[in-house]
Amino acid sequence: MDENGRNIYYTARRAAGLTQARWAEVLGVSESAVRKYESGEILPEDDIVLSMADFSGLQILGTWHLRRKSYVAAQVIPEVRRLPLAQAVVQLLAAIRDFDEKHHEDALIRIAADGRVDPAEEQRFKAIVRDLHPLIQAAMQIDYAER
């Protein structure tokens, strides 16, 4: 589902402004395959999703697809929403400020200065990495923002 609770493949087709029949033709698949993608019965192949993203202009579709296709991807790729650009920028700046207020930048420099994470630094390093996740998510949302 997309951030509005709709099937992501349906969202891509609607963004392209095409009927299921025309979408199938553009993608080089059957209309039945399009119906199955949109009903959630089957997942399209990755090359089809890339075509959907290109034709619809929804580059975020690739990220959404990977998170649904792979348990591993869902664990390592943040959940990214498509936001208006201004909102995405504000969220990134807020995440940067939050990270900075925790003085992680200085600590990260000290930890990395010798090229390794010592056992005494491990807990702080894990906290820094955990606090980087919202920053990564916010940066990705700018890349996929509504322009």
C-alpha atoms as a PDB file:
ATOM      1  CA  MET A   1       0.000   0.000   0.000  1.00  0.00           C
ATOM      2  CA  ASP A   2       1.106   3.556  -0.565  1.00  0.00           C
ATOM      3  CA  GLU A   3       0.914   6.186   2.182  1.00  0.00           C
ATOM      4  CA  ASN A   4      -2.792   6.628   1.393  1.00  0.00           C
ATOM      5  CA  GLY A   5      -3.558   2.932   1.768  1.00  0.00           C
ATOM      6  CA  ARG A   6      -3.825   2.216  -1.965  1.00  0.00           C
ATOM      7  CA  ASN A   7      -2.038  -0.488  -3.876  1.00  0.00           C
ATOM      8  CA  ILE A   8       1.281   0.996  -5.057  1.00  0.00           C
ATOM      9  CA  TYR A   9       0.922  -0.384  -8.591  1.00  0.00           C
ATOM     10  CA  TYR A  10      -2.557   1.118  -8.863  1.00  0.00           C
ATOM     11  CA  THR A  11      -1.090   4.416  -7.630  1.00  0.00           C
ATOM     12  CA  ALA A  12       1.550   4.319 -10.381  1.00  0.00           C
ATOM     13  CA  ARG A  13      -1.018   3.630 -13.091  1.00  0.00           C
ATOM     14  CA  ARG A  14      -3.279   6.424 -11.867  1.00  0.00           C
ATOM     15  CA  ALA A  15      -0.293   8.808 -11.745  1.00  0.00           C
ATOM     16  CA  ALA A  16       0.355   7.921 -15.396  1.00  0.00           C
ATOM     17  CA  GLY A  17      -3.310   8.640 -16.145  1.00  0.00           C
ATOM     18  CA  LEU A  18      -3.860   5.382 -18.013  1.00  0.00           C
ATOM     19  CA  THR A  19      -6.496   2.679 -18.097  1.00  0.00           C
ATOM     20  CA  GLN A  20      -5.513  -0.859 -17.179  1.00  0.00           C
ATOM     21  CA  ALA A  21      -5.601  -1.815 -20.851  1.00  0.00           C
ATOM     22  CA  ARG A  22      -3.342   1.053 -21.940  1.00  0.00           C
ATOM     23  CA  TRP A  23      -1.023   0.508 -18.951  1.00  0.00           C
ATOM     24  CA  ALA A  24      -0.644  -3.149 -19.893  1.00  0.00           C
ATOM     25  CA  GLU A  25       0.218  -2.140 -23.442  1.00  0.00           C
ATOM     26  CA  VAL A  26       2.802   0.420 -22.296  1.00  0.00           C
ATOM     27  CA  LEU A  27       4.412  -2.081 -19.902  1.00  0.00           C
ATOM     28  CA  GLY A  28       4.325  -4.971 -22.370  1.00  0.00           C
ATOM     29  CA  VAL A  29       2.256  -7.213 -20.105  1.00  0.00           C
ATOM     30  CA  SER A  30      -1.277  -8.549 -20.221  1.00  0.00           C
ATOM     31  CA  GLU A  31      -4.220  -6.655 -18.832  1.00  0.00           C
ATOM     32  CA  SER A  32      -4.761  -9.653 -16.558  1.00  0.00           C
ATOM     33  CA  ALA A  33      -1.251  -9.155 -15.124  1.00  0.00           C
ATOM     34  CA  VAL A  34      -2.039  -5.491 -14.393  1.00  0.00           C
ATOM     35  CA  ARG A  35      -5.234  -6.527 -12.573  1.00  0.00           C
ATOM     36  CA  LYS A  36      -3.250  -9.061 -10.526  1.00  0.00           C
ATOM     37  CA  TYR A  37      -0.602  -6.453  -9.604  1.00  0.00           C
ATOM     38  CA  GLU A  38      -3.291  -4.027  -8.507  1.00  0.00           C
ATOM     39  CA  SER A  39      -5.226  -6.630  -6.532  1.00  0.00           C
ATOM     40  CA  GLY A  40      -2.063  -7.762  -4.750  1.00  0.00           C
ATOM     41  CA  GLU A  41      -2.399 -11.269  -6.156  1.00  0.00           C
ATOM     42  CA  ILE A  42       1.107 -11.141  -7.659  1.00  0.00           C
ATOM     43  CA  LEU A  43       4.129  -8.851  -7.554  1.00  0.00           C
ATOM     44  CA  PRO A  44       5.482  -7.513 -10.819  1.00  0.00           C
ATOM     45  CA  GLU A  45       9.051  -8.295 -11.825  1.00  0.00           C
ATOM     46  CA  ASP A  46      11.621  -5.631 -10.988  1.00  0.00           C
ATOM     47  CA  ASP A  47      12.057  -4.550 -14.622  1.00  0.00           C
ATOM     48  CA  ILE A  48       8.305  -3.966 -14.879  1.00  0.00           C
ATOM     49  CA  VAL A  49       8.397  -1.849 -11.706  1.00  0.00           C
ATOM     50  CA  LEU A  50      11.239   0.227 -13.161  1.00  0.00           C
ATOM     51  CA  SER A  51       9.101   0.824 -16.243  1.00  0.00           C
ATOM     52  CA  MET A  52       6.131   1.727 -14.051  1.00  0.00           C
ATOM     53  CA  ALA A  53       8.286   4.239 -12.166  1.00  0.00           C
ATOM     54  CA  ASP A  54       9.578   5.766 -15.400  1.00  0.00           C
ATOM     55  CA  PHE A  55       6.180   6.021 -17.098  1.00  0.00           C
ATOM     56  CA  SER A  56       4.366   7.277 -13.990  1.00  0.00           C
ATOM     57  CA  GLY A  57       7.068   9.641 -12.740  1.00  0.00           C
ATOM     58  CA  LEU A  58       6.835   7.978  -9.305  1.00  0.00           C
ATOM     59  CA  GLN A  59      10.466   7.089  -8.649  1.00  0.00           C
ATOM     60  CA  ILE A  60       9.491   6.252  -5.066  1.00  0.00           C
ATOM     61  CA  LEU A  61       7.715   3.190  -6.481  1.00  0.00           C
ATOM     62  CA  GLY A  62      11.029   1.320  -6.566  1.00  0.00           C
ATOM     63  CA  THR A  63      11.541   1.833  -2.842  1.00  0.00           C
ATOM     64  CA  TRP A  64       7.960   0.878  -2.019  1.00  0.00           C
ATOM     65  CA  HIS A  65       8.240  -2.234  -4.191  1.00  0.00           C
ATOM     66  CA  LEU A  66      11.506  -3.394  -2.637  1.00  0.00           C
ATOM     67  CA  ARG A  67      10.118  -3.031   0.894  1.00  0.00           C
ATOM     68  CA  ARG A  68       7.103  -5.171  -0.041  1.00  0.00           C
ATOM     69  CA  LYS A  69       9.053  -7.721  -2.028  1.00  0.00           C
ATOM     70  CA  SER A  70      11.815  -8.479   0.460  1.00  0.00           C
ATOM     71  CA  TYR A  71      11.785  -8.947   4.213  1.00  0.00           C
ATOM     72  CA  VAL A  72      15.456  -7.938   4.267  1.00  0.00           C
ATOM     73  CA  ALA A  73      14.787  -4.757   2.292  1.00  0.00           C
ATOM     74  CA  ALA A  74      11.902  -3.908   4.629  1.00  0.00           C
ATOM     75  CA  GLN A  75      14.333  -4.116   7.549  1.00  0.00           C
ATOM     76  CA  VAL A  76      17.077  -1.946   6.045  1.00  0.00           C
ATOM     77  CA  ILE A  77      15.283   0.541   3.779  1.00  0.00           C
ATOM     78  CA  PRO A  78      13.328   3.157   5.724  1.00  0.00           C
ATOM     79  CA  GLU A  79       9.624   3.643   5.151  1.00  0.00           C
ATOM     80  CA  VAL A  80       9.543   6.645   2.851  1.00  0.00           C
ATOM     81  CA  ARG A  81       6.501   8.772   2.175  1.00  0.00           C
ATOM     82  CA  ARG A  82       5.938  11.085  -0.759  1.00  0.00           C
ATOM     83  CA  LEU A  83       5.638  14.544   0.761  1.00  0.00           C
ATOM     84  CA  PRO A  84       5.416  18.049  -0.614  1.00  0.00           C
ATOM     85  CA  LEU A  85       8.959  19.356  -1.094  1.00  0.00           C
ATOM     86  CA  ALA A  86       8.661  22.056   1.577  1.00  0.00           C
ATOM     87  CA  GLN A  87       7.513  19.526   4.181  1.00  0.00           C
ATOM     88  CA  ALA A  88      10.317  17.112   3.241  1.00  0.00           C
ATOM     89  CA  VAL A  89      12.916  19.891   3.576  1.00  0.00           C
ATOM     90  CA  VAL A  90      11.596  20.953   6.984  1.00  0.00           C
ATOM     91  CA  GLN A  91      11.646  17.343   8.184  1.00  0.00           C
ATOM     92  CA  LEU A  92      15.261  16.935   7.031  1.00  0.00           C
ATOM     93  CA  LEU A  93      16.332  20.160   8.743  1.00  0.00           C
ATOM     94  CA  ALA A  94      14.571  19.073  11.945  1.00  0.00           C
ATOM     95  CA  ALA A  95      16.343  15.695  11.804  1.00  0.00           C
ATOM     96  CA  ILE A  96      19.696  17.425  11.301  1.00  0.00           C
ATOM     97  CA  ARG A  97      19.010  19.714  14.259  1.00  0.00           C
ATOM     98  CA  ASP A  98      17.988  16.761  16.465  1.00  0.00           C
ATOM     99  CA  PHE A  99      21.163  14.898  15.521  1.00  0.00           C
ATOM    100  CA  ASP A 100      23.312  17.970  16.174  1.00  0.00           C
ATOM    101  CA  GLU A 101      21.693  18.670  19.563  1.00  0.00           C
ATOM    102  CA  LYS A 102      22.792  15.238  20.740  1.00  0.00           C
ATOM    103  CA  HIS A 103      26.420  16.192  19.921  1.00  0.00           C
ATOM    104  CA  HIS A 104      26.757  13.105  17.781  1.00  0.00           C
ATOM    105  CA  GLU A 105      28.958  14.830  15.216  1.00  0.00           C
ATOM    106  CA  ASP A 106      31.777  15.401  17.720  1.00  0.00           C
ATOM    107  CA  ALA A 107      31.438  11.928  19.179  1.00  0.00           C
ATOM    108  CA  LEU A 108      31.452  10.328  15.739  1.00  0.00           C
ATOM    109  CA  ILE A 109      34.655  12.177  14.820  1.00  0.00           C
ATOM    110  CA  ARG A 110      36.325  10.982  18.036  1.00  0.00           C
ATOM    111  CA  ILE A 111      35.181   7.404  17.489  1.00  0.00           C
ATOM    112  CA  ALA A 112      36.274   7.303  13.839  1.00  0.00           C
ATOM    113  CA  ALA A 113      39.609   9.118  14.329  1.00  0.00           C
ATOM    114  CA  ASP A 114      41.553   5.898  14.832  1.00  0.00           C
ATOM    115  CA  GLY A 115      39.718   4.010  12.081  1.00  0.00           C
ATOM    116  CA  ARG A 116      37.916   1.566  14.345  1.00  0.00           C
ATOM    117  CA  VAL A 117      35.184   1.328  16.951  1.00  0.00           C
ATOM    118  CA  ASP A 118      36.743   0.262  20.241  1.00  0.00           C
ATOM    119  CA  PRO A 119      34.696  -1.833  22.693  1.00  0.00           C
ATOM    120  CA  ALA A 120      34.390   1.202  24.988  1.00  0.00           C
ATOM    121  CA  GLU A 121      32.936   3.200  22.065  1.00  0.00           C
ATOM    122  CA  GLU A 122      30.534   0.552  20.808  1.00  0.00           C
ATOM    123  CA  GLN A 123      27.456   1.600  22.784  1.00  0.00           C
ATOM    124  CA  ARG A 124      27.793   5.273  21.814  1.00  0.00           C
ATOM    125  CA  PHE A 125      28.439   4.316  18.190  1.00  0.00           C
ATOM    126  CA  LYS A 126      25.263   2.200  18.080  1.00  0.00           C
ATOM    127  CA  ALA A 127      23.264   5.127  19.503  1.00  0.00           C
ATOM    128  CA  ILE A 128      24.691   7.437  16.840  1.00  0.00           C
ATOM    129  CA  VAL A 129      23.837   5.004  14.045  1.00  0.00           C
ATOM    130  CA  ARG A 130      20.317   4.554  15.437  1.00  0.00           C
ATOM    131  CA  ASP A 131      19.875   8.338  15.507  1.00  0.00           C
ATOM    132  CA  LEU A 132      21.059   8.573  11.898  1.00  0.00           C
ATOM    133  CA  HIS A 133      18.048   6.575  10.685  1.00  0.00           C
ATOM    134  CA  PRO A 134      15.562   9.494  10.822  1.00  0.00           C
ATOM    135  CA  LEU A 135      18.128  11.612   8.980  1.00  0.00           C
ATOM    136  CA  ILE A 136      18.457   8.995   6.240  1.00  0.00           C
ATOM    137  CA  GLN A 137      14.681   8.670   5.966  1.00  0.00           C
ATOM    138  CA  ALA A 138      14.239  12.450   5.737  1.00  0.00           C
ATOM    139  CA  ALA A 139      16.934  12.732   3.063  1.00  0.00           C
ATOM    140  CA  MET A 140      15.244  10.031   0.984  1.00  0.00           C
ATOM    141  CA  GLN A 141      11.918  11.838   1.277  1.00  0.00           C
ATOM    142  CA  ILE A 142      13.479  14.923  -0.310  1.00  0.00           C
ATOM    143  CA  ASP A 143      14.636  12.804  -3.240  1.00  0.00           C
ATOM    144  CA  TYR A 144      11.068  11.548  -3.763  1.00  0.00           C
ATOM    145  CA  ALA A 145       9.221  14.751  -2.815  1.00  0.00           C
ATOM    146  CA  GLU A 146       6.374  16.161  -4.849  1.00  0.00           C
ATOM    147  CA  ARG A 147       7.907  18.994  -6.825  1.00  0.00           C
END
